[in-house]
Amino acid sequence: MFRVDSDQFKSSHVIFQHLSLPAIMSVAHGIKLLGVLGAGQMGTGIAFVSALRARVPVLLHDQSKDQVARGLALMDKLLSKDVAKGRIQLNEAQEARDRVRVVNAIEDLRDVDMVVEAVSENLDLKRTVFRNFSEKLRPDAILATNTSSISITKIAASVIPDGVSPASAEGQAAAGRVVGLHFFNPVPVMKLVELISAVQTAPETLAHARAFAEACGKEVATSQDVPGFVSNALLMPFINEAIMCLEKGIATRDDIDKTFRLGMNHPMGPLQLADFIGLDTCLAIQKTLYTGTSDSKYRPSVLLERMVDAQWLGKKSGRGFYEYKDE
């Protein structure tokens, strides 16, 4: 239950101008019920903007009850903060919170119009999840992944039923409903969604996914299905080079970050940014770039690997390149 403790979607189609705002959103993206798999920072954030901005009922699932509890607590905190700052009214916050319902199994997502997967950045795990989606969800449901680096085409291939040719009408229809919908962390704050089409993605899937992201209040940038897409193909090598700079003793942590904050006017330096992203996520993406291109320039820093080995994962674990007390 949400408790209080103490900004517009537009359609360029003339035929929609006589409709109310909620009706425009419904017509545009067609998502009347959304599923979110994963109640971590990303999954919770996606559920949050979907319920609050797109005003779509959300079914949230995670195998970890503790993770679900933490996710819902974060959602309540974000809604309380928005009410306290006058960004939304109390009734809007309550309505948004009421749109989110926790379910206990993937089978409970069977009636959703679209599901967004937000699990760890691991291809084998995502393939398993998407096979489950293809077996247990409606055959016309859009299957979206929030991956930040992994091939959408590889994920899409995993939903084709055994014994079905990928080139057949059935195979193309199955894989055609998979799309990359990469939200950025923290989802309630960051204004961008990266939209990625697999080789197999149907045009209508892409159009509905774009419209839904816009209904969530996001700007959309598109990328080809290459390792890291646009965002992380550029960002992660930059962060990795900064870590190597520290590893080689070229400069201190503070001087590396200060150089980019004060010299390049970045809001935070690359090492602090890595902490906020999560060092395990940075390493997983860097490995995807390295294996996906076979280019040595993407080799992950040894220091990054050792910090992940030590479970120094950044802000979420309390320690990374910086220490985070009572957070």
C-alpha atoms as a PDB file:
ATOM      1  CA  MET A   1       0.000   0.000   0.000  1.00  0.00           C
ATOM      2  CA  PHE A   2       1.306   3.434  -0.977  1.00  0.00           C
ATOM      3  CA  ARG A   3       1.626   5.971   1.819  1.00  0.00           C
ATOM      4  CA  VAL A   4       2.817   9.567   1.847  1.00  0.00           C
ATOM      5  CA  ASP A   5       5.477  10.252   4.442  1.00  0.00           C
ATOM      6  CA  SER A   6       5.412  13.996   5.429  1.00  0.00           C
ATOM      7  CA  ASP A   7       5.463  16.176 -17.096  1.00  0.00           C
ATOM      8  CA  GLN A   8       2.670  14.684 -21.895  1.00  0.00           C
ATOM      9  CA  PHE A   9       2.035  12.306 -24.639  1.00  0.00           C
ATOM     10  CA  LYS A  10       1.188  13.839 -28.006  1.00  0.00           C
ATOM     11  CA  SER A  11      -0.110  12.245 -31.180  1.00  0.00           C
ATOM     12  CA  SER A  12       0.572  13.758 -34.560  1.00  0.00           C
ATOM     13  CA  HIS A  13      -2.413  11.942 -36.078  1.00  0.00           C
ATOM     14  CA  VAL A  14      -5.307  14.287 -36.733  1.00  0.00           C
ATOM     15  CA  ILE A  15      -7.787  11.411 -36.358  1.00  0.00           C
ATOM     16  CA  PHE A  16      -6.874  11.115 -32.666  1.00  0.00           C
ATOM     17  CA  GLN A  17      -7.344  14.785 -31.792  1.00  0.00           C
ATOM     18  CA  HIS A  18     -10.936  14.340 -30.603  1.00  0.00           C
ATOM     19  CA  LEU A  19     -10.011  11.558 -28.183  1.00  0.00           C
ATOM     20  CA  SER A  20      -9.089  11.942 -24.536  1.00  0.00           C
ATOM     21  CA  LEU A  21      -5.440  11.488 -23.530  1.00  0.00           C
ATOM     22  CA  PRO A  22      -5.839   7.948 -22.120  1.00  0.00           C
ATOM     23  CA  ALA A  23      -7.698   6.930 -25.294  1.00  0.00           C
ATOM     24  CA  ILE A  24      -4.872   8.254 -27.480  1.00  0.00           C
ATOM     25  CA  MET A  25      -2.351   6.232 -25.503  1.00  0.00           C
ATOM     26  CA  SER A  26      -4.441   3.076 -25.785  1.00  0.00           C
ATOM     27  CA  VAL A  27      -4.900   3.460 -29.527  1.00  0.00           C
ATOM     28  CA  ALA A  28      -1.226   4.290 -30.067  1.00  0.00           C
ATOM     29  CA  HIS A  29       0.467   1.379 -28.337  1.00  0.00           C
ATOM     30  CA  GLY A  30      -2.350  -1.111 -27.748  1.00  0.00           C
ATOM     31  CA  ILE A  31      -0.927  -2.264 -24.412  1.00  0.00           C
ATOM     32  CA  LYS A  32      -3.765  -2.762 -21.950  1.00  0.00           C
ATOM     33  CA  LEU A  33      -1.881  -5.098 -19.613  1.00  0.00           C
ATOM     34  CA  LEU A  34       1.900  -5.180 -19.182  1.00  0.00           C
ATOM     35  CA  GLY A  35       4.078  -7.837 -17.623  1.00  0.00           C
ATOM     36  CA  VAL A  36       7.495  -7.076 -16.109  1.00  0.00           C
ATOM     37  CA  LEU A  37       9.872  -9.896 -15.246  1.00  0.00           C
ATOM     38  CA  GLY A  38      12.463  -8.841 -12.670  1.00  0.00           C
ATOM     39  CA  ALA A  39      11.911  -6.579  -9.679  1.00  0.00           C
ATOM     40  CA  GLY A  40      15.415  -5.117  -9.445  1.00  0.00           C
ATOM     41  CA  GLN A  41      16.207  -1.467 -10.095  1.00  0.00           C
ATOM     42  CA  MET A  42      15.431  -1.721 -13.804  1.00  0.00           C
ATOM     43  CA  GLY A  43      12.291  -3.842 -13.562  1.00  0.00           C
ATOM     44  CA  THR A  44      10.871  -1.757 -10.743  1.00  0.00           C
ATOM     45  CA  GLY A  45      11.638   1.424 -12.663  1.00  0.00           C
ATOM     46  CA  ILE A  46       9.925   0.110 -15.795  1.00  0.00           C
ATOM     47  CA  ALA A  47       6.878  -0.918 -13.776  1.00  0.00           C
ATOM     48  CA  PHE A  48       6.870   2.530 -12.140  1.00  0.00           C
ATOM     49  CA  VAL A  49       6.843   4.599 -15.356  1.00  0.00           C
ATOM     50  CA  SER A  50       4.407   2.202 -17.015  1.00  0.00           C
ATOM     51  CA  ALA A  51       1.912   2.565 -14.177  1.00  0.00           C
ATOM     52  CA  LEU A  52       2.419   6.280 -13.542  1.00  0.00           C
ATOM     53  CA  ARG A  53       3.107   7.735 -16.993  1.00  0.00           C
ATOM     54  CA  ALA A  54       1.530   5.266 -19.440  1.00  0.00           C
ATOM     55  CA  ARG A  55      -1.196   4.441 -16.889  1.00  0.00           C
ATOM     56  CA  VAL A  56      -1.164   0.768 -17.794  1.00  0.00           C
ATOM     57  CA  PRO A  57      -1.851  -2.044 -15.300  1.00  0.00           C
ATOM     58  CA  VAL A  58       1.348  -3.960 -14.563  1.00  0.00           C
ATOM     59  CA  LEU A  59       1.918  -7.540 -13.425  1.00  0.00           C
ATOM     60  CA  LEU A  60       5.332  -7.756 -11.729  1.00  0.00           C
ATOM     61  CA  HIS A  61       7.130 -11.063 -11.212  1.00  0.00           C
ATOM     62  CA  ASP A  62      10.410 -12.006  -9.593  1.00  0.00           C
ATOM     63  CA  GLN A  63      11.442 -15.335  -8.085  1.00  0.00           C
ATOM     64  CA  SER A  64      12.905 -13.532  -5.062  1.00  0.00           C
ATOM     65  CA  LYS A  65      10.301 -12.361  -2.569  1.00  0.00           C
ATOM     66  CA  ASP A  66      12.930 -10.166  -0.921  1.00  0.00           C
ATOM     67  CA  GLN A  67      13.647  -8.508  -4.261  1.00  0.00           C
ATOM     68  CA  VAL A  68       9.944  -7.879  -4.785  1.00  0.00           C
ATOM     69  CA  ALA A  69       9.662  -6.325  -1.322  1.00  0.00           C
ATOM     70  CA  ARG A  70      12.629  -4.054  -2.010  1.00  0.00           C
ATOM     71  CA  GLY A  71      11.208  -3.099  -5.390  1.00  0.00           C
ATOM     72  CA  LEU A  72       7.806  -2.179  -4.010  1.00  0.00           C
ATOM     73  CA  ALA A  73       9.419  -0.225  -1.173  1.00  0.00           C
ATOM     74  CA  LEU A  74      11.416   1.730  -3.770  1.00  0.00           C
ATOM     75  CA  MET A  75       8.259   2.412  -5.749  1.00  0.00           C
ATOM     76  CA  ASP A  76       6.487   3.721  -2.635  1.00  0.00           C
ATOM     77  CA  LYS A  77       9.490   5.935  -1.866  1.00  0.00           C
ATOM     78  CA  LEU A  78       9.533   7.374  -5.402  1.00  0.00           C
ATOM     79  CA  LEU A  79       5.803   8.075  -5.344  1.00  0.00           C
ATOM     80  CA  SER A  80       6.055   9.728  -1.918  1.00  0.00           C
ATOM     81  CA  LYS A  81       8.889  11.911  -3.182  1.00  0.00           C
ATOM     82  CA  ASP A  82       6.918  12.947  -6.268  1.00  0.00           C
ATOM     83  CA  VAL A  83       3.913  13.880  -4.125  1.00  0.00           C
ATOM     84  CA  ALA A  84       6.058  15.782  -1.614  1.00  0.00           C
ATOM     85  CA  LYS A  85       7.660  17.807  -4.425  1.00  0.00           C
ATOM     86  CA  GLY A  86       4.311  18.579  -6.026  1.00  0.00           C
ATOM     87  CA  ARG A  87       5.034  16.668  -9.232  1.00  0.00           C
ATOM     88  CA  ILE A  88       1.875  14.568  -8.867  1.00  0.00           C
ATOM     89  CA  GLN A  89      -1.214  14.580  -6.699  1.00  0.00           C
ATOM     90  CA  LEU A  90      -1.784  12.053  -3.914  1.00  0.00           C
ATOM     91  CA  ASN A  91      -4.633  10.395  -5.823  1.00  0.00           C
ATOM     92  CA  GLU A  92      -2.409  10.010  -8.903  1.00  0.00           C
ATOM     93  CA  ALA A  93       0.236   8.299  -6.789  1.00  0.00           C
ATOM     94  CA  GLN A  94      -2.318   5.964  -5.243  1.00  0.00           C
ATOM     95  CA  GLU A  95      -3.787   5.110  -8.642  1.00  0.00           C
ATOM     96  CA  ALA A  96      -0.329   4.368 -10.037  1.00  0.00           C
ATOM     97  CA  ARG A  97       0.525   2.151  -7.083  1.00  0.00           C
ATOM     98  CA  ASP A  98      -2.771   0.304  -7.402  1.00  0.00           C
ATOM     99  CA  ARG A  99      -1.977  -0.497 -11.064  1.00  0.00           C
ATOM    100  CA  VAL A 100       1.005  -2.637 -10.010  1.00  0.00           C
ATOM    101  CA  ARG A 101       0.236  -6.171  -8.890  1.00  0.00           C
ATOM    102  CA  VAL A 102       2.736  -8.853  -7.927  1.00  0.00           C
ATOM    103  CA  VAL A 103       2.256 -12.329  -9.393  1.00  0.00           C
ATOM    104  CA  ASN A 104       3.932 -15.552  -8.322  1.00  0.00           C
ATOM    105  CA  ALA A 105       4.735 -17.281 -11.623  1.00  0.00           C
ATOM    106  CA  ILE A 106       5.444 -16.610 -15.298  1.00  0.00           C
ATOM    107  CA  GLU A 107       2.188 -18.449 -16.056  1.00  0.00           C
ATOM    108  CA  ASP A 108       0.369 -15.574 -14.352  1.00  0.00           C
ATOM    109  CA  LEU A 109       1.588 -13.303 -17.167  1.00  0.00           C
ATOM    110  CA  ARG A 110      -0.232 -15.353 -19.821  1.00  0.00           C
ATOM    111  CA  ASP A 111      -2.777 -12.626 -20.689  1.00  0.00           C
ATOM    112  CA  VAL A 112      -0.437  -9.643 -21.012  1.00  0.00           C
ATOM    113  CA  ASP A 113      -0.242  -7.679 -24.272  1.00  0.00           C
ATOM    114  CA  MET A 114       3.465  -7.110 -23.769  1.00  0.00           C
ATOM    115  CA  VAL A 115       6.113  -8.339 -21.344  1.00  0.00           C
ATOM    116  CA  VAL A 116       9.407  -6.620 -20.586  1.00  0.00           C
ATOM    117  CA  GLU A 117      12.237  -8.823 -19.346  1.00  0.00           C
ATOM    118  CA  ALA A 118      14.644  -7.148 -16.927  1.00  0.00           C
ATOM    119  CA  VAL A 119      16.870  -9.933 -15.609  1.00  0.00           C
ATOM    120  CA  SER A 120      20.660 -10.149 -15.393  1.00  0.00           C
ATOM    121  CA  GLU A 121      22.781  -9.476 -18.478  1.00  0.00           C
ATOM    122  CA  ASN A 122      23.339 -13.116 -19.420  1.00  0.00           C
ATOM    123  CA  LEU A 123      22.445 -14.595 -22.808  1.00  0.00           C
ATOM    124  CA  ASP A 124      21.717 -18.115 -21.595  1.00  0.00           C
ATOM    125  CA  LEU A 125      19.426 -16.810 -18.864  1.00  0.00           C
ATOM    126  CA  LYS A 126      17.577 -14.564 -21.292  1.00  0.00           C
ATOM    127  CA  ARG A 127      17.166 -17.427 -23.781  1.00  0.00           C
ATOM    128  CA  THR A 128      15.604 -19.546 -21.049  1.00  0.00           C
ATOM    129  CA  VAL A 129      13.275 -16.723 -20.035  1.00  0.00           C
ATOM    130  CA  PHE A 130      12.149 -16.098 -23.605  1.00  0.00           C
ATOM    131  CA  ARG A 131      11.533 -19.794 -24.262  1.00  0.00           C
ATOM    132  CA  ASN A 132       9.255 -19.715 -21.230  1.00  0.00           C
ATOM    133  CA  PHE A 133       7.534 -16.629 -22.588  1.00  0.00           C
ATOM    134  CA  SER A 134       6.921 -18.323 -25.945  1.00  0.00           C
ATOM    135  CA  GLU A 135       5.444 -21.400 -24.255  1.00  0.00           C
ATOM    136  CA  LYS A 136       3.344 -19.740 -21.555  1.00  0.00           C
ATOM    137  CA  LEU A 137       2.219 -16.345 -22.861  1.00  0.00           C
ATOM    138  CA  ARG A 138      -0.299 -15.443 -25.537  1.00  0.00           C
ATOM    139  CA  PRO A 139       1.075 -16.133 -29.037  1.00  0.00           C
ATOM    140  CA  ASP A 140       0.487 -12.519 -30.050  1.00  0.00           C
ATOM    141  CA  ALA A 141       2.080 -10.883 -26.985  1.00  0.00           C
ATOM    142  CA  ILE A 142       5.036  -8.589 -27.656  1.00  0.00           C
ATOM    143  CA  LEU A 143       8.189  -9.947 -25.996  1.00  0.00           C
ATOM    144  CA  ALA A 144      10.557  -7.111 -25.091  1.00  0.00           C
ATOM    145  CA  THR A 145      14.000  -7.354 -23.547  1.00  0.00           C
ATOM    146  CA  ASN A 146      15.654  -4.601 -21.554  1.00  0.00           C
ATOM    147  CA  THR A 147      19.113  -5.928 -22.422  1.00  0.00           C
ATOM    148  CA  SER A 148      21.750  -3.214 -22.700  1.00  0.00           C
ATOM    149  CA  SER A 149      24.151  -5.116 -24.957  1.00  0.00           C
ATOM    150  CA  ILE A 150      23.073  -8.655 -25.934  1.00  0.00           C
ATOM    151  CA  SER A 151      21.953  -9.509 -29.467  1.00  0.00           C
ATOM    152  CA  ILE A 152      18.195  -9.173 -29.872  1.00  0.00           C
ATOM    153  CA  THR A 153      18.438 -11.504 -32.864  1.00  0.00           C
ATOM    154  CA  LYS A 154      19.900 -14.300 -30.709  1.00  0.00           C
ATOM    155  CA  ILE A 155      17.170 -13.806 -28.116  1.00  0.00           C
ATOM    156  CA  ALA A 156      14.464 -13.788 -30.796  1.00  0.00           C
ATOM    157  CA  ALA A 157      15.726 -17.078 -32.253  1.00  0.00           C
ATOM    158  CA  SER A 158      15.129 -18.761 -28.889  1.00  0.00           C
ATOM    159  CA  VAL A 159      11.334 -18.323 -29.055  1.00  0.00           C
ATOM    160  CA  ILE A 160      10.875 -20.412 -32.200  1.00  0.00           C
ATOM    161  CA  PRO A 161       9.281 -23.736 -31.195  1.00  0.00           C
ATOM    162  CA  ASP A 162      11.338 -26.906 -31.583  1.00  0.00           C
ATOM    163  CA  GLY A 163      10.902 -28.474 -35.008  1.00  0.00           C
ATOM    164  CA  VAL A 164       9.656 -25.234 -36.584  1.00  0.00           C
ATOM    165  CA  SER A 165      11.721 -23.706 -39.373  1.00  0.00           C
ATOM    166  CA  PRO A 166      12.827 -20.119 -38.670  1.00  0.00           C
ATOM    167  CA  ALA A 167      11.972 -19.341 -42.302  1.00  0.00           C
ATOM    168  CA  SER A 168       8.414 -20.655 -42.047  1.00  0.00           C
ATOM    169  CA  ALA A 169       5.441 -18.404 -41.450  1.00  0.00           C
ATOM    170  CA  GLU A 170       5.105 -19.789 -37.925  1.00  0.00           C
ATOM    171  CA  GLY A 171       8.793 -19.284 -37.170  1.00  0.00           C
ATOM    172  CA  GLN A 172       8.793 -15.731 -38.503  1.00  0.00           C
ATOM    173  CA  ALA A 173       5.650 -14.859 -36.554  1.00  0.00           C
ATOM    174  CA  ALA A 174       7.142 -16.201 -33.317  1.00  0.00           C
ATOM    175  CA  ALA A 175      10.473 -14.374 -33.613  1.00  0.00           C
ATOM    176  CA  GLY A 176       8.840 -11.286 -35.101  1.00  0.00           C
ATOM    177  CA  ARG A 177       7.298 -10.296 -31.778  1.00  0.00           C
ATOM    178  CA  VAL A 178      10.671  -9.907 -30.016  1.00  0.00           C
ATOM    179  CA  VAL A 179      12.134  -6.420 -29.648  1.00  0.00           C
ATOM    180  CA  GLY A 180      14.809  -4.601 -27.684  1.00  0.00           C
ATOM    181  CA  LEU A 181      13.502  -1.895 -25.367  1.00  0.00           C
ATOM    182  CA  HIS A 182      16.513  -0.601 -23.445  1.00  0.00           C
ATOM    183  CA  PHE A 183      15.549   1.717 -20.603  1.00  0.00           C
ATOM    184  CA  PHE A 184      18.293   3.579 -18.761  1.00  0.00           C
ATOM    185  CA  ASN A 185      19.007   3.607 -15.032  1.00  0.00           C
ATOM    186  CA  PRO A 186      17.406   5.162 -13.033  1.00  0.00           C
ATOM    187  CA  VAL A 187      14.361   4.598 -15.215  1.00  0.00           C
ATOM    188  CA  PRO A 188      12.090   7.211 -13.561  1.00  0.00           C
ATOM    189  CA  VAL A 189      14.726   9.914 -14.197  1.00  0.00           C
ATOM    190  CA  MET A 190      16.449   9.060 -17.474  1.00  0.00           C
ATOM    191  CA  LYS A 191      14.563  10.372 -20.499  1.00  0.00           C
ATOM    192  CA  LEU A 192      15.769   7.925 -23.158  1.00  0.00           C
ATOM    193  CA  VAL A 193      14.791   4.463 -24.365  1.00  0.00           C
ATOM    194  CA  GLU A 194      16.926   2.714 -26.955  1.00  0.00           C
ATOM    195  CA  LEU A 195      14.804   0.758 -29.455  1.00  0.00           C
ATOM    196  CA  ILE A 196      16.510  -2.173 -31.167  1.00  0.00           C
ATOM    197  CA  SER A 197      15.096  -4.368 -33.891  1.00  0.00           C
ATOM    198  CA  ALA A 198      16.246  -7.951 -34.289  1.00  0.00           C
ATOM    199  CA  VAL A 199      16.700  -9.205 -37.828  1.00  0.00           C
ATOM    200  CA  GLN A 200      13.342 -10.960 -37.323  1.00  0.00           C
ATOM    201  CA  THR A 201      11.361  -8.165 -35.586  1.00  0.00           C
ATOM    202  CA  ALA A 202       8.086  -7.348 -37.331  1.00  0.00           C
ATOM    203  CA  PRO A 203       7.425  -3.675 -38.189  1.00  0.00           C
ATOM    204  CA  GLU A 204       4.227  -3.648 -36.129  1.00  0.00           C
ATOM    205  CA  THR A 205       6.116  -4.939 -33.075  1.00  0.00           C
ATOM    206  CA  LEU A 206       8.609  -2.121 -33.449  1.00  0.00           C
ATOM    207  CA  ALA A 207       5.843   0.469 -33.851  1.00  0.00           C
ATOM    208  CA  HIS A 208       3.938  -0.683 -30.754  1.00  0.00           C
ATOM    209  CA  ALA A 209       7.131  -0.774 -28.675  1.00  0.00           C
ATOM    210  CA  ARG A 210       8.065   2.760 -29.734  1.00  0.00           C
ATOM    211  CA  ALA A 211       4.590   4.073 -28.945  1.00  0.00           C
ATOM    212  CA  PHE A 212       4.638   2.429 -25.544  1.00  0.00           C
ATOM    213  CA  ALA A 213       8.036   3.938 -24.657  1.00  0.00           C
ATOM    214  CA  GLU A 214       6.723   7.355 -25.674  1.00  0.00           C
ATOM    215  CA  ALA A 215       3.619   6.828 -23.537  1.00  0.00           C
ATOM    216  CA  CYS A 216       6.003   6.204 -20.611  1.00  0.00           C
ATOM    217  CA  GLY A 217       7.300   9.738 -21.174  1.00  0.00           C
ATOM    218  CA  LYS A 218      10.505   8.729 -22.942  1.00  0.00           C
ATOM    219  CA  GLU A 219      12.346   9.943 -26.017  1.00  0.00           C
ATOM    220  CA  VAL A 220      13.260   7.080 -28.343  1.00  0.00           C
ATOM    221  CA  ALA A 221      16.562   6.503 -30.150  1.00  0.00           C
ATOM    222  CA  THR A 222      16.975   3.543 -32.494  1.00  0.00           C
ATOM    223  CA  SER A 223      20.008   1.332 -32.971  1.00  0.00           C
ATOM    224  CA  GLN A 224      20.982  -1.575 -35.167  1.00  0.00           C
ATOM    225  CA  ASP A 225      21.432  -4.918 -33.417  1.00  0.00           C
ATOM    226  CA  VAL A 226      25.179  -4.733 -32.780  1.00  0.00           C
ATOM    227  CA  PRO A 227      27.023  -5.551 -29.524  1.00  0.00           C
ATOM    228  CA  GLY A 228      26.278  -2.785 -27.023  1.00  0.00           C
ATOM    229  CA  PHE A 229      23.967  -0.974 -29.485  1.00  0.00           C
ATOM    230  CA  VAL A 230      24.796   2.757 -29.684  1.00  0.00           C
ATOM    231  CA  SER A 231      24.840   3.587 -25.997  1.00  0.00           C
ATOM    232  CA  ASN A 232      27.092   0.936 -24.528  1.00  0.00           C
ATOM    233  CA  ALA A 233      29.266   0.432 -27.604  1.00  0.00           C
ATOM    234  CA  LEU A 234      30.430   3.979 -26.869  1.00  0.00           C
ATOM    235  CA  LEU A 235      30.052   4.247 -23.094  1.00  0.00           C
ATOM    236  CA  MET A 236      31.559   0.984 -21.851  1.00  0.00           C
ATOM    237  CA  PRO A 237      34.925   1.266 -23.639  1.00  0.00           C
ATOM    238  CA  PHE A 238      35.190   4.767 -22.166  1.00  0.00           C
ATOM    239  CA  ILE A 239      34.538   3.459 -18.659  1.00  0.00           C
ATOM    240  CA  ASN A 240      36.857   0.498 -19.223  1.00  0.00           C
ATOM    241  CA  GLU A 241      39.686   2.835 -20.336  1.00  0.00           C
ATOM    242  CA  ALA A 242      39.168   4.919 -17.201  1.00  0.00           C
ATOM    243  CA  ILE A 243      39.481   1.788 -15.051  1.00  0.00           C
ATOM    244  CA  MET A 244      42.638   0.783 -16.925  1.00  0.00           C
ATOM    245  CA  CYS A 245      44.006   4.277 -16.305  1.00  0.00           C
ATOM    246  CA  LEU A 246      43.506   3.698 -12.580  1.00  0.00           C
ATOM    247  CA  GLU A 247      44.850   0.143 -12.807  1.00  0.00           C
ATOM    248  CA  LYS A 248      48.092   1.353 -14.455  1.00  0.00           C
ATOM    249  CA  GLY A 249      48.584   4.101 -11.890  1.00  0.00           C
ATOM    250  CA  ILE A 250      48.341   6.873 -14.487  1.00  0.00           C
ATOM    251  CA  ALA A 251      46.060   8.900 -12.215  1.00  0.00           C
ATOM    252  CA  THR A 252      44.140   8.551  -8.990  1.00  0.00           C
ATOM    253  CA  ARG A 253      40.452   7.760  -8.775  1.00  0.00           C
ATOM    254  CA  ASP A 254      39.636  11.312  -7.736  1.00  0.00           C
ATOM    255  CA  ASP A 255      41.734  12.922 -10.463  1.00  0.00           C
ATOM    256  CA  ILE A 256      40.254  10.709 -13.184  1.00  0.00           C
ATOM    257  CA  ASP A 257      36.718  11.633 -12.179  1.00  0.00           C
ATOM    258  CA  LYS A 258      37.604  15.290 -11.555  1.00  0.00           C
ATOM    259  CA  THR A 259      39.058  15.540 -15.079  1.00  0.00           C
ATOM    260  CA  PHE A 260      35.716  14.614 -16.616  1.00  0.00           C
ATOM    261  CA  ARG A 261      33.539  16.556 -14.194  1.00  0.00           C
ATOM    262  CA  LEU A 262      35.454  19.814 -14.450  1.00  0.00           C
ATOM    263  CA  GLY A 263      37.274  19.468 -17.773  1.00  0.00           C
ATOM    264  CA  MET A 264      34.469  17.947 -19.859  1.00  0.00           C
ATOM    265  CA  ASN A 265      31.492  19.136 -17.776  1.00  0.00           C
ATOM    266  CA  HIS A 266      30.242  15.588 -17.200  1.00  0.00           C
ATOM    267  CA  PRO A 267      27.784  15.339 -14.275  1.00  0.00           C
ATOM    268  CA  MET A 268      29.954  12.574 -12.776  1.00  0.00           C
ATOM    269  CA  GLY A 269      33.236  10.930 -13.613  1.00  0.00           C
ATOM    270  CA  PRO A 270      33.512   7.519 -15.318  1.00  0.00           C
ATOM    271  CA  LEU A 271      34.468   5.627 -12.144  1.00  0.00           C
ATOM    272  CA  GLN A 272      31.565   7.015 -10.166  1.00  0.00           C
ATOM    273  CA  LEU A 273      29.279   6.330 -13.130  1.00  0.00           C
ATOM    274  CA  ALA A 274      30.499   2.733 -13.205  1.00  0.00           C
ATOM    275  CA  ASP A 275      29.576   2.417  -9.538  1.00  0.00           C
ATOM    276  CA  PHE A 276      26.069   3.693 -10.237  1.00  0.00           C
ATOM    277  CA  ILE A 277      25.585   1.350 -13.201  1.00  0.00           C
ATOM    278  CA  GLY A 278      26.952  -1.604 -11.241  1.00  0.00           C
ATOM    279  CA  LEU A 279      30.401  -3.042 -11.842  1.00  0.00           C
ATOM    280  CA  ASP A 280      28.972  -6.492 -12.558  1.00  0.00           C
ATOM    281  CA  THR A 281      26.773  -4.969 -15.265  1.00  0.00           C
ATOM    282  CA  CYS A 282      29.744  -3.057 -16.696  1.00  0.00           C
ATOM    283  CA  LEU A 283      31.787  -6.255 -16.827  1.00  0.00           C
ATOM    284  CA  ALA A 284      28.985  -8.269 -18.436  1.00  0.00           C
ATOM    285  CA  ILE A 285      28.522  -5.638 -21.149  1.00  0.00           C
ATOM    286  CA  GLN A 286      32.257  -5.335 -21.751  1.00  0.00           C
ATOM    287  CA  LYS A 287      32.487  -9.111 -22.144  1.00  0.00           C
ATOM    288  CA  THR A 288      29.606  -9.009 -24.644  1.00  0.00           C
ATOM    289  CA  LEU A 289      31.478  -6.382 -26.669  1.00  0.00           C
ATOM    290  CA  TYR A 290      34.691  -8.411 -26.516  1.00  0.00           C
ATOM    291  CA  THR A 291      33.192 -11.765 -27.501  1.00  0.00           C
ATOM    292  CA  GLY A 292      30.772 -10.237 -30.006  1.00  0.00           C
ATOM    293  CA  THR A 293      33.488  -8.432 -31.962  1.00  0.00           C
ATOM    294  CA  SER A 294      36.670 -10.446 -31.179  1.00  0.00           C
ATOM    295  CA  ASP A 295      38.387  -7.066 -30.986  1.00  0.00           C
ATOM    296  CA  SER A 296      41.076  -6.764 -28.301  1.00  0.00           C
ATOM    297  CA  LYS A 297      40.233  -3.111 -27.715  1.00  0.00           C
ATOM    298  CA  TYR A 298      37.184  -4.334 -25.794  1.00  0.00           C
ATOM    299  CA  ARG A 299      39.129  -6.587 -23.401  1.00  0.00           C
ATOM    300  CA  PRO A 300      37.777  -5.963 -19.883  1.00  0.00           C
ATOM    301  CA  SER A 301      40.112  -4.417 -17.336  1.00  0.00           C
ATOM    302  CA  VAL A 302      41.635  -6.930 -14.937  1.00  0.00           C
ATOM    303  CA  LEU A 303      40.864  -4.540 -12.077  1.00  0.00           C
ATOM    304  CA  LEU A 304      37.193  -4.509 -13.070  1.00  0.00           C
ATOM    305  CA  GLU A 305      37.120  -8.308 -13.076  1.00  0.00           C
ATOM    306  CA  ARG A 306      38.774  -8.516  -9.648  1.00  0.00           C
ATOM    307  CA  MET A 307      36.383  -5.992  -8.108  1.00  0.00           C
ATOM    308  CA  VAL A 308      33.433  -8.041  -9.346  1.00  0.00           C
ATOM    309  CA  ASP A 309      35.120 -11.182  -7.974  1.00  0.00           C
ATOM    310  CA  ALA A 310      35.275  -9.432  -4.600  1.00  0.00           C
ATOM    311  CA  GLN A 311      31.568  -8.521  -4.895  1.00  0.00           C
ATOM    312  CA  TRP A 312      32.473  -4.835  -4.831  1.00  0.00           C
ATOM    313  CA  LEU A 313      29.726  -4.020  -7.295  1.00  0.00           C
ATOM    314  CA  GLY A 314      29.333  -0.289  -6.707  1.00  0.00           C
ATOM    315  CA  LYS A 315      26.551   1.666  -5.093  1.00  0.00           C
ATOM    316  CA  LYS A 316      24.158  -1.275  -4.835  1.00  0.00           C
ATOM    317  CA  SER A 317      26.604  -3.326  -2.736  1.00  0.00           C
ATOM    318  CA  GLY A 318      27.927  -0.415  -0.664  1.00  0.00           C
ATOM    319  CA  ARG A 319      31.385  -0.432  -2.187  1.00  0.00           C
ATOM    320  CA  GLY A 320      32.948  -0.049  -5.619  1.00  0.00           C
ATOM    321  CA  PHE A 321      35.446   2.597  -6.585  1.00  0.00           C
ATOM    322  CA  TYR A 322      33.794   4.614  -3.820  1.00  0.00           C
ATOM    323  CA  GLU A 323      32.199   3.592  -0.529  1.00  0.00           C
ATOM    324  CA  TYR A 324      28.500   4.186   0.084  1.00  0.00           C
ATOM    325  CA  LYS A 325      27.450   4.357   3.711  1.00  0.00           C
ATOM    326  CA  ASP A 326      23.865   3.658   4.787  1.00  0.00           C
ATOM    327  CA  GLU A 327      22.538   3.537   1.228  1.00  0.00           C
END
